[in-house]
Amino acid sequence: MSRTVETPTPKRFRVPHAAKLYHNLVPAYQAFWPAVAGKNMRAALARTDFPDGCRVLEVGVGTGLSLSSYPSNIQLTGIDLSEAMLAEAQALIEKNSWDHIAVQEMNAESLDFEDNSFDFVTSFHTISVVSNPEAMMSEIVRVCRPGGRVLIVNHFRSENPLIARVVDSAGNLTRLLGWRTDLKREVVRELPLRLEKCYKPNPLSFFTIIEAVCKPDEV
């Protein structure tokens, strides 16, 4: 039996100019990104316990690559800058009759939701493509309730100086493509989050998985 998902109501609406970049990148994204990032998303979500009926926000849902990995007993809202990517995600939702999922066009650096609207907030490979990572993380913390959970999968600048220099050498190219290589973990550590896990899927991975409790002092 289908059920209607009640998603938190947006307060305001704005779409930044940067969305045009992601509109143009959709074909390339669809071609290679599932192989690069899909396994990490699926692994992180498989390790996460989502209570029945919990409210989940995915920041930077893109074309919906992660959507099939969420359980159906939750209320999931996905947001993204790109209208073109959201169209792909919406088509996927309709194809699979996922009535527990809704997507909206929104700026990750200025989320259009009230404080403490969600029990979980997830974000995969998004914080390194926004213009202001600190603003995005502050918004994630704002909309996640005290005691809620935050799950981040992303590339962060290596703490190994040699590896960091090698990756930094590609910085000019990656910036042209809209993402950065110099993001430091402090962008997460300096917020009211209690880090519970911070690990790599495997020793050779460029990506880090972070699991945290939001605003633990307010519980």
Protein backbone atom coordinates (compact mmCIF):
# COMPACT_ATOMS: atom_id res chain seq x y z
CA MET A 1 0.00 0.00 0.00
CA SER A 2 1.39 3.40 -0.94
CA ARG A 3 1.78 6.12 1.64
CA THR A 4 2.29 9.84 1.39
CA VAL A 5 5.57 11.23 2.65
CA GLU A 6 5.30 14.47 4.60
CA THR A 7 8.54 16.31 3.93
CA PRO A 8 9.60 19.44 5.83
CA THR A 9 8.27 22.57 4.15
CA PRO A 10 10.75 24.96 2.51
CA LYS A 11 10.93 28.49 3.91
CA ARG A 12 12.41 30.21 0.85
CA PHE A 13 13.81 29.40 -2.60
CA ARG A 14 16.95 30.41 -4.43
CA VAL A 15 19.05 28.75 -7.11
CA PRO A 16 22.68 29.85 -7.48
CA HIS A 17 24.32 30.49 -10.84
CA ALA A 18 26.66 27.51 -10.32
CA ALA A 19 23.80 25.15 -11.16
CA LYS A 20 24.56 25.73 -14.86
CA LEU A 21 27.88 23.88 -14.47
CA TYR A 22 26.18 20.75 -13.21
CA HIS A 23 23.54 20.93 -15.94
CA ASN A 24 26.35 20.60 -18.49
CA LEU A 25 28.10 17.81 -16.59
CA VAL A 26 25.14 15.40 -16.32
CA PRO A 27 26.17 13.11 -19.24
CA ALA A 28 29.74 12.76 -17.96
CA TYR A 29 28.48 12.28 -14.39
CA GLN A 30 26.19 9.47 -15.47
CA ALA A 31 28.98 7.82 -17.45
CA PHE A 32 31.71 7.52 -14.83
CA TRP A 33 30.54 8.61 -11.38
CA PRO A 34 28.64 5.43 -10.41
CA ALA A 35 31.83 3.40 -10.80
CA VAL A 36 33.90 5.93 -8.85
CA ALA A 37 31.57 6.69 -5.95
CA GLY A 38 28.67 4.26 -5.95
CA LYS A 39 30.39 1.55 -3.93
CA ASN A 40 31.31 3.98 -1.14
CA MET A 41 27.76 5.32 -0.90
CA ARG A 42 26.24 1.86 -0.78
CA ALA A 43 28.72 0.66 1.83
CA ALA A 44 28.17 3.68 4.09
CA LEU A 45 24.38 3.42 3.89
CA ALA A 46 24.42 -0.33 4.48
CA ARG A 47 26.19 0.29 7.80
CA THR A 48 23.61 2.87 8.90
CA ASP A 49 20.60 1.96 11.04
CA PHE A 50 17.61 4.08 10.03
CA PRO A 51 14.72 3.80 12.52
CA ASP A 52 11.24 3.32 11.09
CA GLY A 53 9.69 6.59 9.92
CA CYS A 54 12.78 8.73 10.48
CA ARG A 55 13.25 11.93 8.47
CA VAL A 56 16.35 11.86 6.29
CA LEU A 57 17.88 14.62 4.17
CA GLU A 58 20.48 13.93 1.49
CA VAL A 59 22.39 17.08 0.54
CA GLY A 60 23.60 16.87 -3.05
CA VAL A 61 21.44 13.99 -4.25
CA GLY A 62 22.52 14.47 -7.87
CA THR A 63 20.96 11.98 -10.28
CA GLY A 64 19.82 9.74 -7.44
CA LEU A 65 22.74 7.32 -7.45
CA SER A 66 22.30 6.56 -3.74
CA LEU A 67 18.51 6.30 -3.61
CA SER A 68 18.19 2.55 -4.06
CA SER A 69 20.45 2.00 -1.03
CA TYR A 70 18.05 3.62 1.45
CA PRO A 71 15.39 1.52 3.20
CA SER A 72 11.76 2.12 2.30
CA ASN A 73 10.61 2.70 5.89
CA ILE A 74 11.97 6.27 6.05
CA GLN A 75 10.94 9.71 4.78
CA LEU A 76 13.75 10.81 2.47
CA THR A 77 14.22 14.27 0.96
CA GLY A 78 17.00 14.86 -1.55
CA ILE A 79 18.17 18.32 -2.58
CA ASP A 80 20.51 19.49 -5.31
CA LEU A 81 21.50 22.58 -7.30
CA SER A 82 21.04 21.04 -10.71
CA GLU A 83 17.63 20.90 -12.32
CA ALA A 84 18.99 18.47 -14.92
CA MET A 85 20.34 16.07 -12.30
CA LEU A 86 17.13 16.29 -10.29
CA ALA A 87 15.16 15.39 -13.41
CA GLU A 88 17.18 12.16 -13.61
CA ALA A 89 16.56 11.49 -9.91
CA GLN A 90 12.83 12.16 -10.28
CA ALA A 91 12.62 9.78 -13.24
CA LEU A 92 14.30 7.10 -11.13
CA ILE A 93 11.85 7.71 -8.28
CA GLU A 94 8.87 7.39 -10.60
CA LYS A 95 10.26 4.31 -12.36
CA ASN A 96 10.61 2.50 -9.03
CA SER A 97 7.45 3.93 -7.41
CA TRP A 98 9.44 5.19 -4.44
CA ASP A 99 6.70 7.11 -2.65
CA HIS A 100 8.93 7.53 0.41
CA ILE A 101 11.34 9.80 -1.52
CA ALA A 102 10.99 13.41 -2.71
CA VAL A 103 13.55 15.69 -4.36
CA GLN A 104 13.78 19.49 -4.43
CA GLU A 105 15.97 22.08 -6.12
CA MET A 106 17.87 23.89 -3.39
CA ASN A 107 21.17 25.52 -2.41
CA ALA A 108 23.20 23.35 -0.01
CA GLU A 109 24.74 26.48 1.51
CA SER A 110 21.35 27.94 2.44
CA LEU A 111 18.91 25.13 3.10
CA ASP A 112 15.24 26.03 2.94
CA PHE A 113 14.18 24.05 6.01
CA GLU A 114 13.46 24.95 9.61
CA ASP A 115 15.95 24.16 12.37
CA ASN A 116 16.01 20.55 13.62
CA SER A 117 13.87 19.27 10.73
CA PHE A 118 15.66 15.94 10.19
CA ASP A 119 16.78 12.90 12.16
CA PHE A 120 19.58 12.07 9.70
CA VAL A 121 21.50 14.16 7.18
CA THR A 122 23.69 12.49 4.58
CA SER A 123 25.96 13.94 1.91
CA PHE A 124 28.11 12.12 -0.61
CA HIS A 125 30.92 13.83 -2.54
CA THR A 126 29.22 17.22 -2.33
CA ILE A 127 31.12 19.28 0.24
CA SER A 128 34.14 19.56 -2.07
CA VAL A 129 32.09 21.04 -4.94
CA VAL A 130 30.25 23.83 -3.12
CA SER A 131 31.74 27.32 -3.02
CA ASN A 132 31.53 27.55 0.79
CA PRO A 133 32.00 24.17 2.55
CA GLU A 134 31.76 25.80 5.98
CA ALA A 135 28.34 27.24 5.15
CA MET A 136 27.12 23.89 3.87
CA MET A 137 28.25 22.04 6.99
CA SER A 138 26.74 24.71 9.25
CA GLU A 139 23.43 24.27 7.44
CA ILE A 140 23.59 20.50 7.82
CA VAL A 141 24.07 20.91 11.57
CA ARG A 142 21.28 23.49 11.76
CA VAL A 143 18.62 21.32 10.13
CA CYS A 144 19.62 18.12 11.94
CA ARG A 145 17.97 17.68 15.33
CA PRO A 146 20.01 17.39 18.54
CA GLY A 147 21.08 13.77 18.83
CA GLY A 148 20.46 13.21 15.13
CA ARG A 149 23.12 11.69 12.93
CA VAL A 150 25.27 13.03 10.11
CA LEU A 151 26.91 10.82 7.48
CA ILE A 152 29.51 12.31 5.12
CA VAL A 153 31.46 10.57 2.36
CA ASN A 154 34.02 12.76 0.61
CA HIS A 155 37.60 13.32 -0.42
CA PHE A 156 39.57 15.31 2.16
CA ARG A 157 43.11 16.61 1.83
CA SER A 158 45.51 13.84 2.83
CA GLU A 159 47.34 14.23 6.13
CA ASN A 160 50.31 12.57 4.43
CA PRO A 161 52.37 15.51 3.07
CA LEU A 162 53.64 13.59 0.02
CA ILE A 163 50.19 12.42 -1.06
CA ALA A 164 48.76 15.88 -0.36
CA ARG A 165 51.30 17.52 -2.68
CA VAL A 166 50.61 15.03 -5.48
CA VAL A 167 46.86 15.57 -5.25
CA ASP A 168 47.24 19.34 -4.91
CA SER A 169 49.13 19.39 -8.21
CA ALA A 170 45.85 18.58 -9.94
CA GLY A 171 44.05 21.44 -8.19
CA ASN A 172 43.88 23.80 -11.17
CA LEU A 173 42.25 21.15 -13.34
CA THR A 174 39.78 19.98 -10.73
CA ARG A 175 38.72 23.55 -9.97
CA LEU A 176 37.79 23.96 -13.63
CA LEU A 177 35.56 20.93 -13.20
CA GLY A 178 33.94 22.47 -10.13
CA TRP A 179 35.51 20.57 -7.24
CA ARG A 180 38.43 21.07 -4.91
CA THR A 181 41.25 18.86 -3.64
CA ASP A 182 42.31 20.93 -0.62
CA LEU A 183 39.32 20.36 1.68
CA LYS A 184 40.43 19.70 5.26
CA ARG A 185 38.61 17.64 7.88
CA GLU A 186 38.53 20.68 10.17
CA VAL A 187 35.45 21.81 8.24
CA VAL A 188 33.67 18.99 10.07
CA ARG A 189 35.63 18.90 13.33
CA GLU A 190 34.97 22.55 14.24
CA LEU A 191 31.18 22.13 14.43
CA PRO A 192 28.95 20.88 17.27
CA LEU A 193 29.32 17.29 16.12
CA ARG A 194 30.60 14.31 18.07
CA LEU A 195 32.66 12.27 15.63
CA GLU A 196 32.02 8.58 16.17
CA LYS A 197 33.77 7.11 13.15
CA CYS A 198 36.19 8.49 10.59
CA TYR A 199 37.66 5.88 8.27
CA LYS A 200 38.55 4.99 4.70
CA PRO A 201 36.70 2.20 2.85
CA ASN A 202 40.11 0.65 2.13
CA PRO A 203 43.73 1.74 2.72
CA LEU A 204 44.19 2.94 -0.87
CA SER A 205 40.94 4.90 -1.11
CA PHE A 206 40.97 8.66 -1.66
CA PHE A 207 37.65 8.91 0.15
CA THR A 208 36.78 9.18 3.85
CA ILE A 209 33.55 8.16 5.58
CA ILE A 210 32.54 10.25 8.60
CA GLU A 211 29.75 9.34 11.03
CA ALA A 212 28.80 11.86 13.71
CA VAL A 213 26.14 12.74 16.28
CA CYS A 214 24.70 16.23 15.86
CA LYS A 215 24.58 18.76 18.71
CA PRO A 216 25.12 16.12 21.43
CA ASP A 217 25.25 18.75 24.20
CA GLU A 218 21.63 19.73 23.49
CA VAL A 219 20.19 16.26 23.99
